PDB file of N, CA and C in Angstrom:
ATOM      1  N   MET A   1      -7.103   9.592 -39.486  1.00  0.00           N
ATOM      2  CA  MET A   1      -7.324   8.596 -38.668  1.00  0.00           C
ATOM      3  C   MET A   1      -8.672   8.584 -37.788  1.00  0.00           C
ATOM      4  N   ASN A   2      -9.244   7.113 -38.161  1.00  0.00           N
ATOM      5  CA  ASN A   2     -10.279   7.117 -37.053  1.00  0.00           C
ATOM      6  C   ASN A   2      -9.974   7.378 -35.652  1.00  0.00           C
ATOM      7  N   ILE A   3     -11.002   8.012 -35.203  1.00  0.00           N
ATOM      8  CA  ILE A   3     -11.647   8.361 -33.822  1.00  0.00           C
ATOM      9  C   ILE A   3     -10.951   7.460 -32.816  1.00  0.00           C
ATOM     10  N   ARG A   4     -11.592   6.288 -32.804  1.00  0.00           N
ATOM     11  CA  ARG A   4     -11.862   5.014 -32.402  1.00  0.00           C
ATOM     12  C   ARG A   4     -10.019   4.551 -32.062  1.00  0.00           C
ATOM     13  N   LYS A   5      -9.652   4.379 -33.496  1.00  0.00           N
ATOM     14  CA  LYS A   5      -8.017   3.694 -33.321  1.00  0.00           C
ATOM     15  C   LYS A   5      -6.805   4.907 -32.746  1.00  0.00           C
ATOM     16  N   GLU A   6      -7.388   6.139 -33.040  1.00  0.00           N
ATOM     17  CA  GLU A   6      -6.666   7.424 -32.210  1.00  0.00           C
ATOM     18  C   GLU A   6      -6.567   7.024 -30.876  1.00  0.00           C
ATOM     19  N   ILE A   7      -7.499   6.936 -30.197  1.00  0.00           N
ATOM     20  CA  ILE A   7      -7.881   7.111 -28.875  1.00  0.00           C
ATOM     21  C   ILE A   7      -7.151   5.855 -28.562  1.00  0.00           C
ATOM     22  N   LYS A   8      -7.192   4.736 -28.884  1.00  0.00           N
ATOM     23  CA  LYS A   8      -6.754   3.423 -28.524  1.00  0.00           C
ATOM     24  C   LYS A   8      -4.866   3.377 -28.567  1.00  0.00           C
ATOM     25  N   THR A   9      -4.753   4.352 -29.090  1.00  0.00           N
ATOM     26  CA  THR A   9      -3.097   4.667 -29.768  1.00  0.00           C
ATOM     27  C   THR A   9      -2.740   5.323 -28.720  1.00  0.00           C
ATOM     28  N   THR A  10      -3.106   6.615 -28.361  1.00  0.00           N
ATOM     29  CA  THR A  10      -3.222   7.602 -27.232  1.00  0.00           C
ATOM     30  C   THR A  10      -3.118   7.151 -26.126  1.00  0.00           C
ATOM     31  N   PHE A  11      -4.008   5.957 -25.580  1.00  0.00           N
ATOM     32  CA  PHE A  11      -3.949   5.178 -24.084  1.00  0.00           C
ATOM     33  C   PHE A  11      -2.867   4.357 -24.504  1.00  0.00           C
ATOM     34  N   LYS A  12      -2.802   3.161 -25.136  1.00  0.00           N
ATOM     35  CA  LYS A  12      -1.049   2.217 -25.868  1.00  0.00           C
ATOM     36  C   LYS A  12      -0.286   2.964 -25.881  1.00  0.00           C
ATOM     37  N   ILE A  13       0.062   4.250 -26.349  1.00  0.00           N
ATOM     38  CA  ILE A  13       1.537   4.732 -26.089  1.00  0.00           C
ATOM     39  C   ILE A  13       1.907   5.474 -24.281  1.00  0.00           C
ATOM     40  N   ARG A  14       0.435   5.441 -23.847  1.00  0.00           N
ATOM     41  CA  ARG A  14       0.632   6.243 -22.410  1.00  0.00           C
ATOM     42  C   ARG A  14       0.930   4.718 -21.157  1.00  0.00           C
ATOM     43  N   LYS A  15       0.784   3.825 -21.828  1.00  0.00           N
ATOM     44  CA  LYS A  15       0.919   2.641 -21.022  1.00  0.00           C
ATOM     45  C   LYS A  15       2.563   2.383 -21.275  1.00  0.00           C
ATOM     46  N   TYR A  16       2.912   2.682 -22.412  1.00  0.00           N
ATOM     47  CA  TYR A  16       4.771   2.769 -22.497  1.00  0.00           C
ATOM     48  C   TYR A  16       5.332   3.958 -21.576  1.00  0.00           C
ATOM     49  N   THR A  17       4.963   5.194 -21.866  1.00  0.00           N
ATOM     50  CA  THR A  17       5.174   5.835 -21.238  1.00  0.00           C
ATOM     51  C   THR A  17       5.550   5.610 -19.607  1.00  0.00           C
ATOM     52  N   LEU A  18       4.370   5.072 -19.154  1.00  0.00           N
ATOM     53  CA  LEU A  18       4.150   5.188 -17.461  1.00  0.00           C
ATOM     54  C   LEU A  18       5.227   3.777 -17.189  1.00  0.00           C
ATOM     55  N   MET A  19       5.502   2.836 -17.659  1.00  0.00           N
ATOM     56  CA  MET A  19       6.565   1.524 -18.124  1.00  0.00           C
ATOM     57  C   MET A  19       7.810   2.501 -17.460  1.00  0.00           C
ATOM     58  N   CYS A  20       8.095   3.610 -18.785  1.00  0.00           N
ATOM     59  CA  CYS A  20       9.533   4.057 -18.893  1.00  0.00           C
ATOM     60  C   CYS A  20       9.686   4.931 -17.609  1.00  0.00           C
ATOM     61  N   LEU A  21       8.773   5.204 -17.060  1.00  0.00           N
ATOM     62  CA  LEU A  21       8.337   6.532 -15.540  1.00  0.00           C
ATOM     63  C   LEU A  21       9.240   5.275 -14.747  1.00  0.00           C
ATOM     64  N   TYR A  22       8.015   3.780 -14.685  1.00  0.00           N
ATOM     65  CA  TYR A  22       8.433   3.137 -13.061  1.00  0.00           C
ATOM     66  C   TYR A  22       9.854   2.651 -13.608  1.00  0.00           C
ATOM     67  N   THR A  23      10.603   2.388 -14.547  1.00  0.00           N
ATOM     68  CA  THR A  23      11.330   1.933 -14.874  1.00  0.00           C
ATOM     69  C   THR A  23      12.620   3.275 -14.793  1.00  0.00           C
ATOM     70  N   SER A  24      12.280   4.302 -14.690  1.00  0.00           N
ATOM     71  CA  SER A  24      13.281   5.154 -14.124  1.00  0.00           C
ATOM     72  C   SER A  24      13.804   5.665 -12.725  1.00  0.00           C
ATOM     73  N   ILE A  25      12.290   5.181 -12.173  1.00  0.00           N
ATOM     74  CA  ILE A  25      11.949   5.079 -10.663  1.00  0.00           C
ATOM     75  C   ILE A  25      13.089   3.842 -10.164  1.00  0.00           C
ATOM     76  N   LEU A  26      13.135   3.059 -10.999  1.00  0.00           N
ATOM     77  CA  LEU A  26      14.064   1.733 -10.556  1.00  0.00           C
ATOM     78  C   LEU A  26      15.062   1.286 -10.829  1.00  0.00           C
ATOM     79  N   PHE A  27      15.559   2.215 -11.507  1.00  0.00           N
ATOM     80  CA  PHE A  27      17.460   2.775 -12.029  1.00  0.00           C
ATOM     81  C   PHE A  27      17.354   3.468 -10.833  1.00  0.00           C
ATOM     82  N   LEU A  28      16.913   4.713 -10.523  1.00  0.00           N
ATOM     83  CA  LEU A  28      17.067   6.000  -9.383  1.00  0.00           C
ATOM     84  C   LEU A  28      17.455   4.995  -8.483  1.00  0.00           C
ATOM     85  N   PHE A  29      16.806   4.235  -7.847  1.00  0.00           N
ATOM     86  CA  PHE A  29      17.128   3.178  -6.486  1.00  0.00           C
ATOM     87  C   PHE A  29      18.285   2.284  -6.594  1.00  0.00           C
ATOM     88  N   LEU A  30      18.802   2.061  -7.552  1.00  0.00           N
ATOM     89  CA  LEU A  30      19.822   1.356  -8.470  1.00  0.00           C
ATOM     90  C   LEU A  30      20.853   1.973  -8.141  1.00  0.00           C
ATOM     91  N   THR A  31      21.120   3.165  -8.321  1.00  0.00           N
ATOM     92  CA  THR A  31      22.229   4.151  -8.495  1.00  0.00           C
ATOM     93  C   THR A  31      22.592   3.783  -7.101  1.00  0.00           C
ATOM     94  N   LEU A  32      22.234   3.579  -6.257  1.00  0.00           N
ATOM     95  CA  LEU A  32      23.419   3.362  -4.599  1.00  0.00           C
ATOM     96  C   LEU A  32      23.778   2.582  -4.505  1.00  0.00           C
ATOM     97  N   PHE A  33      23.815   1.224  -5.836  1.00  0.00           N
ATOM     98  CA  PHE A  33      25.215   0.546  -6.069  1.00  0.00           C
ATOM     99  C   PHE A  33      26.089   1.023  -7.710  1.00  0.00           C
ATOM    100  N   ASN A  34      25.928   1.664  -8.435  1.00  0.00           N
ATOM    101  CA  ASN A  34      26.550   2.248  -8.956  1.00  0.00           C
ATOM    102  C   ASN A  34      25.789   3.445  -9.821  1.00  0.00           C
ATOM    103  N   ILE A  35      26.911   4.296 -10.260  1.00  0.00           N
ATOM    104  CA  ILE A  35      26.469   5.680 -10.684  1.00  0.00           C
ATOM    105  C   ILE A  35      25.671   5.873 -12.328  1.00  0.00           C
ATOM    106  N   ILE A  36      25.956   4.741 -12.734  1.00  0.00           N
ATOM    107  CA  ILE A  36      25.567   4.799 -14.241  1.00  0.00           C
ATOM    108  C   ILE A  36      24.326   4.188 -13.812  1.00  0.00           C
ATOM    109  N   PHE A  37      23.294   3.575 -12.940  1.00  0.00           N
ATOM    110  CA  PHE A  37      22.238   3.843 -12.983  1.00  0.00           C
ATOM    111  C   PHE A  37      21.261   4.892 -13.067  1.00  0.00           C
ATOM    112  N   PHE A  38      22.093   5.907 -12.883  1.00  0.00           N
ATOM    113  CA  PHE A  38      21.417   6.915 -12.531  1.00  0.00           C
ATOM    114  C   PHE A  38      21.157   7.673 -14.050  1.00  0.00           C
ATOM    115  N   ASN A  39      22.099   8.013 -14.956  1.00  0.00           N
ATOM    116  CA  ASN A  39      21.905   8.228 -16.203  1.00  0.00           C
ATOM    117  C   ASN A  39      20.912   7.124 -17.254  1.00  0.00           C
ATOM    118  N   ILE A  40      20.932   5.942 -16.628  1.00  0.00           N
ATOM    119  CA  ILE A  40      19.787   5.048 -17.386  1.00  0.00           C
ATOM    120  C   ILE A  40      18.610   5.804 -16.570  1.00  0.00           C
ATOM    121  N   ALA A  41      18.149   5.647 -15.526  1.00  0.00           N
ATOM    122  CA  ALA A  41      16.945   6.613 -15.098  1.00  0.00           C
ATOM    123  C   ALA A  41      16.676   7.765 -15.671  1.00  0.00           C
ATOM    124  N   LEU A  42      17.619   8.426 -16.015  1.00  0.00           N
ATOM    125  CA  LEU A  42      17.227  10.017 -16.061  1.00  0.00           C
ATOM    126  C   LEU A  42      16.662   9.992 -17.983  1.00  0.00           C
ATOM    127  N   LEU A  43      17.348   9.080 -18.760  1.00  0.00           N
ATOM    128  CA  LEU A  43      17.445   8.563 -19.691  1.00  0.00           C
ATOM    129  C   LEU A  43      15.783   8.169 -20.400  1.00  0.00           C
ATOM    130  N   PHE A  44      15.100   7.606 -19.101  1.00  0.00           N
ATOM    131  CA  PHE A  44      13.505   6.757 -19.165  1.00  0.00           C
ATOM    132  C   PHE A  44      13.074   7.967 -18.643  1.00  0.00           C
ATOM    133  N   PHE A  45      13.555   8.635 -17.799  1.00  0.00           N
ATOM    134  CA  PHE A  45      12.606   9.770 -17.536  1.00  0.00           C
ATOM    135  C   PHE A  45      12.158  10.603 -18.369  1.00  0.00           C
ATOM    136  N   VAL A  46      13.472  11.194 -19.386  1.00  0.00           N
ATOM    137  CA  VAL A  46      13.462  11.993 -20.595  1.00  0.00           C
ATOM    138  C   VAL A  46      12.355  11.342 -21.615  1.00  0.00           C
ATOM    139  N   ILE A  47      12.500   9.980 -21.807  1.00  0.00           N
ATOM    140  CA  ILE A  47      11.353   9.630 -22.447  1.00  0.00           C
ATOM    141  C   ILE A  47       9.753   9.590 -22.209  1.00  0.00           C
ATOM    142  N   PHE A  48       9.664   9.372 -21.598  1.00  0.00           N
ATOM    143  CA  PHE A  48       8.294   9.681 -20.275  1.00  0.00           C
ATOM    144  C   PHE A  48       8.049  11.007 -20.484  1.00  0.00           C
ATOM    145  N   LEU A  49       8.982  11.862 -20.158  1.00  0.00           N
ATOM    146  CA  LEU A  49       8.798  13.196 -20.938  1.00  0.00           C
ATOM    147  C   LEU A  49       8.122  13.685 -21.696  1.00  0.00           C
ATOM    148  N   ILE A  50       9.060  13.154 -23.002  1.00  0.00           N
ATOM    149  CA  ILE A  50       8.858  13.620 -24.234  1.00  0.00           C
ATOM    150  C   ILE A  50       7.503  12.778 -24.878  1.00  0.00           C
ATOM    151  N   LEU A  51       7.648  11.788 -25.070  1.00  0.00           N
ATOM    152  CA  LEU A  51       6.188  11.029 -25.351  1.00  0.00           C
ATOM    153  C   LEU A  51       4.994  11.143 -24.682  1.00  0.00           C
ATOM    154  N   SER A  52       4.836  11.645 -23.513  1.00  0.00           N
ATOM    155  CA  SER A  52       3.797  12.385 -22.436  1.00  0.00           C
ATOM    156  C   SER A  52       3.482  13.384 -23.362  1.00  0.00           C
ATOM    157  N   LYS A  53       4.575  14.473 -23.641  1.00  0.00           N
ATOM    158  CA  LYS A  53       4.278  15.728 -24.113  1.00  0.00           C
ATOM    159  C   LYS A  53       3.410  15.413 -26.072  1.00  0.00           C
ATOM    160  N   LEU A  54       4.079  14.821 -26.073  1.00  0.00           N
ATOM    161  CA  LEU A  54       3.611  14.185 -27.896  1.00  0.00           C
ATOM    162  C   LEU A  54       2.429  13.788 -27.756  1.00  0.00           C
ATOM    163  N   TYR A  55       2.109  12.611 -27.122  1.00  0.00           N
ATOM    164  CA  TYR A  55       0.896  11.985 -27.554  1.00  0.00           C
ATOM    165  C   TYR A  55      -0.171  11.802 -26.601  1.00  0.00           C
ATOM    166  N   TRP A  56       0.469  12.478 -25.238  1.00  0.00           N
ATOM    167  CA  TRP A  56      -0.651  12.169 -23.660  1.00  0.00           C
ATOM    168  C   TRP A  56      -2.064  13.371 -24.224  1.00  0.00           C
ATOM    169  N   LYS A  57      -2.566  13.708 -24.971  1.00  0.00           N
ATOM    170  CA  LYS A  57      -3.334  14.950 -24.976  1.00  0.00           C
ATOM    171  C   LYS A  57      -4.816  14.291 -25.834  1.00  0.00           C
ATOM    172  N   CYS A  58      -5.741  14.839 -25.921  1.00  0.00           N
ATOM    173  CA  CYS A  58      -7.237  14.847 -26.362  1.00  0.00           C
ATOM    174  C   CYS A  58      -7.113  14.366 -28.099  1.00  0.00           C
ATOM    175  N   PRO A  59      -7.412  13.642 -28.385  1.00  0.00           N
ATOM    176  CA  PRO A  59      -7.658  13.361 -29.989  1.00  0.00           C
ATOM    177  C   PRO A  59      -8.684  14.203 -30.323  1.00  0.00           C
ATOM    178  N   ARG A  60      -9.541  14.612 -29.832  1.00  0.00           N
ATOM    179  CA  ARG A  60     -10.718  15.583 -29.938  1.00  0.00           C
ATOM    180  C   ARG A  60     -10.512  17.066 -30.227  1.00  0.00           C
ATOM    181  N   CYS A  61      -9.962  17.441 -28.756  1.00  0.00           N
ATOM    182  CA  CYS A  61      -9.788  19.031 -28.716  1.00  0.00           C
ATOM    183  C   CYS A  61      -8.339  19.132 -28.722  1.00  0.00           C
ATOM    184  N   GLY A  62      -7.679  18.297 -29.004  1.00  0.00           N
ATOM    185  CA  GLY A  62      -5.926  18.550 -28.786  1.00  0.00           C
ATOM    186  C   GLY A  62      -5.146  18.967 -27.838  1.00  0.00           C
ATOM    187  N   LYS A  63      -6.274  19.412 -26.424  1.00  0.00           N
ATOM    188  CA  LYS A  63      -5.200  20.074 -25.168  1.00  0.00           C
ATOM    189  C   LYS A  63      -5.001  18.690 -24.299  1.00  0.00           C
ATOM    190  N   HIS A  64      -3.714  18.851 -23.796  1.00  0.00           N
ATOM    191  CA  HIS A  64      -2.684  17.837 -23.264  1.00  0.00           C
ATOM    192  C   HIS A  64      -3.693  17.389 -21.925  1.00  0.00           C
ATOM    193  N   PHE A  65      -3.926  16.194 -21.605  1.00  0.00           N
ATOM    194  CA  PHE A  65      -4.089  15.664 -20.333  1.00  0.00           C
ATOM    195  C   PHE A  65      -2.955  16.031 -19.310  1.00  0.00           C
ATOM    196  N   PRO A  66      -3.440  16.075 -17.498  1.00  0.00           N
ATOM    197  CA  PRO A  66      -2.826  15.784 -16.694  1.00  0.00           C
ATOM    198  C   PRO A  66      -1.374  15.344 -17.253  1.00  0.00           C
ATOM    199  N   LEU A  67      -0.094  15.633 -16.772  1.00  0.00           N
ATOM    200  CA  LEU A  67       1.036  14.652 -16.952  1.00  0.00           C
ATOM    201  C   LEU A  67       1.116  13.484 -15.908  1.00  0.00           C
ATOM    202  N   PHE A  68       0.773  13.816 -14.746  1.00  0.00           N
ATOM    203  CA  PHE A  68       0.799  12.806 -13.668  1.00  0.00           C
ATOM    204  C   PHE A  68       0.175  12.025 -13.288  1.00  0.00           C
ATOM    205  N   LYS A  69      -1.312  11.997 -14.191  1.00  0.00           N
ATOM    206  CA  LYS A  69      -2.232  11.553 -13.704  1.00  0.00           C
ATOM    207  C   LYS A  69      -2.163  10.007 -14.187  1.00  0.00           C
ATOM    208  N   LEU A  70      -1.574   8.741 -13.045  1.00  0.00           N
ATOM    209  CA  LEU A  70      -1.255   8.032 -13.455  1.00  0.00           C
ATOM    210  C   LEU A  70      -2.265   7.076 -13.229  1.00  0.00           C
ATOM    211  N   ASP A  71      -3.656   7.200 -12.967  1.00  0.00           N
ATOM    212  CA  ASP A  71      -4.264   6.403 -13.530  1.00  0.00           C
ATOM    213  C   ASP A  71      -5.458   6.282 -14.463  1.00  0.00           C
ATOM    214  N   ILE A  72      -4.990   6.003 -15.741  1.00  0.00           N
ATOM    215  CA  ILE A  72      -5.438   6.309 -16.998  1.00  0.00           C
ATOM    216  C   ILE A  72      -6.815   5.470 -17.185  1.00  0.00           C
ATOM    217  N   GLN A  73      -6.624   3.916 -15.956  1.00  0.00           N
ATOM    218  CA  GLN A  73      -7.909   3.585 -16.292  1.00  0.00           C
ATOM    219  C   GLN A  73      -9.615   4.133 -16.216  1.00  0.00           C
ATOM    220  N   ASP A  74      -9.445   5.195 -15.046  1.00  0.00           N
ATOM    221  CA  ASP A  74     -10.383   5.962 -14.506  1.00  0.00           C
ATOM    222  C   ASP A  74     -10.861   7.137 -15.404  1.00  0.00           C
ATOM    223  N   MET A  75      -9.725   7.837 -16.319  1.00  0.00           N
ATOM    224  CA  MET A  75     -10.014   8.344 -17.383  1.00  0.00           C
ATOM    225  C   MET A  75     -11.250   8.239 -18.477  1.00  0.00           C
ATOM    226  N   TYR A  76     -12.371   8.313 -18.583  1.00  0.00           N
ATOM    227  CA  TYR A  76     -13.449   8.378 -19.610  1.00  0.00           C
ATOM    228  C   TYR A  76     -13.692   9.617 -20.510  1.00  0.00           C
ATOM    229  N   THR A  77     -13.722  10.609 -19.252  1.00  0.00           N
ATOM    230  CA  THR A  77     -13.620  11.759 -20.295  1.00  0.00           C
ATOM    231  C   THR A  77     -12.555  12.648 -20.710  1.00  0.00           C
ATOM    232  N   CYS A  78     -12.785  13.209 -21.308  1.00  0.00           N
ATOM    233  CA  CYS A  78     -11.427  14.472 -21.853  1.00  0.00           C
ATOM    234  C   CYS A  78     -11.692  15.539 -20.420  1.00  0.00           C
ATOM    235  N   VAL A  79     -10.893  15.973 -20.105  1.00  0.00           N
ATOM    236  CA  VAL A  79     -10.997  16.720 -18.780  1.00  0.00           C
ATOM    237  C   VAL A  79     -10.953  18.053 -19.129  1.00  0.00           C
ATOM    238  N   HIS A  80     -10.908  18.217 -20.314  1.00  0.00           N
ATOM    239  CA  HIS A  80     -10.871  19.896 -21.214  1.00  0.00           C
ATOM    240  C   HIS A  80     -12.044  20.488 -21.853  1.00  0.00           C
ATOM    241  N   CYS A  81     -12.460  19.126 -23.003  1.00  0.00           N
ATOM    242  CA  CYS A  81     -14.064  19.198 -23.803  1.00  0.00           C
ATOM    243  C   CYS A  81     -14.658  18.412 -23.289  1.00  0.00           C
ATOM    244  N   LYS A  82     -14.759  17.676 -21.956  1.00  0.00           N
ATOM    245  CA  LYS A  82     -15.542  16.934 -21.277  1.00  0.00           C
ATOM    246  C   LYS A  82     -16.432  15.840 -22.146  1.00  0.00           C
ATOM    247  N   ARG A  83     -15.888  15.511 -23.438  1.00  0.00           N
ATOM    248  CA  ARG A  83     -16.064  14.264 -24.450  1.00  0.00           C
ATOM    249  C   ARG A  83     -15.644  13.076 -24.063  1.00  0.00           C
ATOM    250  N   ARG A  84     -16.640  12.107 -24.383  1.00  0.00           N
ATOM    251  CA  ARG A  84     -16.361  11.042 -23.974  1.00  0.00           C
ATOM    252  C   ARG A  84     -15.056  10.470 -24.891  1.00  0.00           C
ATOM    253  N   LEU A  85     -14.049   9.420 -24.103  1.00  0.00           N
ATOM    254  CA  LEU A  85     -12.990   9.158 -24.395  1.00  0.00           C
ATOM    255  C   LEU A  85     -13.172   7.591 -25.012  1.00  0.00           C
ATOM    256  N   ILE A  86     -13.338   6.955 -23.912  1.00  0.00           N
ATOM    257  CA  ILE A  86     -13.820   5.419 -24.171  1.00  0.00           C
ATOM    258  C   ILE A  86     -15.248   5.180 -22.933  1.00  0.00           C
ATOM    259  N   ASN A  87     -15.698   4.048 -23.321  1.00  0.00           N
ATOM    260  CA  ASN A  87     -16.709   3.731 -22.186  1.00  0.00           C
ATOM    261  C   ASN A  87     -16.699   3.416 -20.948  1.00  0.00           C
ATOM    262  N   PRO A  88     -17.077   3.610 -20.030  1.00  0.00           N
ATOM    263  CA  PRO A  88     -17.148   2.917 -19.095  1.00  0.00           C
ATOM    264  C   PRO A  88     -17.152   1.347 -18.839  1.00  0.00           C
ATOM    265  N   PRO A  89     -16.083   0.752 -17.563  1.00  0.00           N
ATOM    266  CA  PRO A  89     -17.032  -0.401 -17.919  1.00  0.00           C
ATOM    267  C   PRO A  89     -18.461  -0.623 -16.856  1.00  0.00           C
ATOM    268  N   ILE A  90     -19.155  -1.658 -17.581  1.00  0.00           N
ATOM    269  CA  ILE A  90     -20.438  -1.734 -16.981  1.00  0.00           C
ATOM    270  C   ILE A  90     -20.409  -3.148 -15.803  1.00  0.00           C
ATOM    271  N   ASP A  91     -20.920  -2.409 -14.528  1.00  0.00           N
ATOM    272  CA  ASP A  91     -20.880  -3.519 -13.764  1.00  0.00           C
ATOM    273  C   ASP A  91     -22.197  -4.273 -13.902  1.00  0.00           C
ATOM    274  N   LEU A  92     -22.596  -5.340 -14.022  1.00  0.00           N
ATOM    275  CA  LEU A  92     -23.091  -6.444 -14.907  1.00  0.00           C
ATOM    276  C   LEU A  92     -24.349  -6.500 -13.973  1.00  0.00           C
ATOM    277  N   THR A  93     -23.914  -6.284 -12.744  1.00  0.00           N
ATOM    278  CA  THR A  93     -25.023  -7.054 -11.244  1.00  0.00           C
ATOM    279  C   THR A  93     -25.780  -5.729 -10.971  1.00  0.00           C
ATOM    280  N   GLU A  94     -25.419  -4.356 -10.912  1.00  0.00           N
ATOM    281  CA  GLU A  94     -26.043  -3.521 -11.298  1.00  0.00           C
ATOM    282  C   GLU A  94     -27.197  -3.418 -12.231  1.00  0.00           C
ATOM    283  N   TYR A  95     -26.521  -3.503 -13.626  1.00  0.00           N
ATOM    284  CA  TYR A  95     -27.014  -3.449 -14.653  1.00  0.00           C
ATOM    285  C   TYR A  95     -28.549  -4.359 -14.103  1.00  0.00           C
ATOM    286  N   LYS A  96     -28.278  -5.672 -13.834  1.00  0.00           N
ATOM    287  CA  LYS A  96     -29.183  -6.553 -13.964  1.00  0.00           C
ATOM    288  C   LYS A  96     -30.176  -6.263 -12.780  1.00  0.00           C
ATOM    289  N   LYS A  97     -29.919  -5.616 -11.302  1.00  0.00           N
ATOM    290  CA  LYS A  97     -30.718  -5.060 -10.633  1.00  0.00           C
ATOM    291  C   LYS A  97     -31.574  -4.295 -11.116  1.00  0.00           C
ATOM    292  N   SER A  98     -31.051  -3.290 -11.931  1.00  0.00           N
ATOM    293  CA  SER A  98     -32.074  -1.942 -12.693  1.00  0.00           C
ATOM    294  C   SER A  98     -33.035  -2.393 -13.342  1.00  0.00           C
ATOM    295  N   HIS A  99     -32.593  -3.463 -13.811  1.00  0.00           N
ATOM    296  CA  HIS A  99     -33.719  -3.767 -15.075  1.00  0.00           C
ATOM    297  C   HIS A  99     -34.382  -4.809 -14.723  1.00  0.00           C
ATOM    298  N   CYS A 100     -34.605  -5.772 -13.735  1.00  0.00           N
ATOM    299  CA  CYS A 100     -35.486  -6.690 -13.385  1.00  0.00           C
ATOM    300  C   CYS A 100     -36.330  -6.463 -13.000  1.00  0.00           C
TER     301      CYS A 100
END
């Protein structure tokens, strides 16, 4: 598989797993009203853990990223092999100042 496509897939799946985590937290709060919500929250949390364990790893070195690092937008390099995953966003105002 193309490494860029694999990196995109990794981050896309991470977004879905984080949605499962947030949904489980929501259902955990709803447990106050009905105990069935606890089971739903537990299900979403288990889905979060399984998908994170399977897919939240560096496509280059294969080592797992920190599980509860929720801010994936700031993750530009692998914490293990230090290779670049995605290009950081460029602040065009800083670029224009330095190149004018």
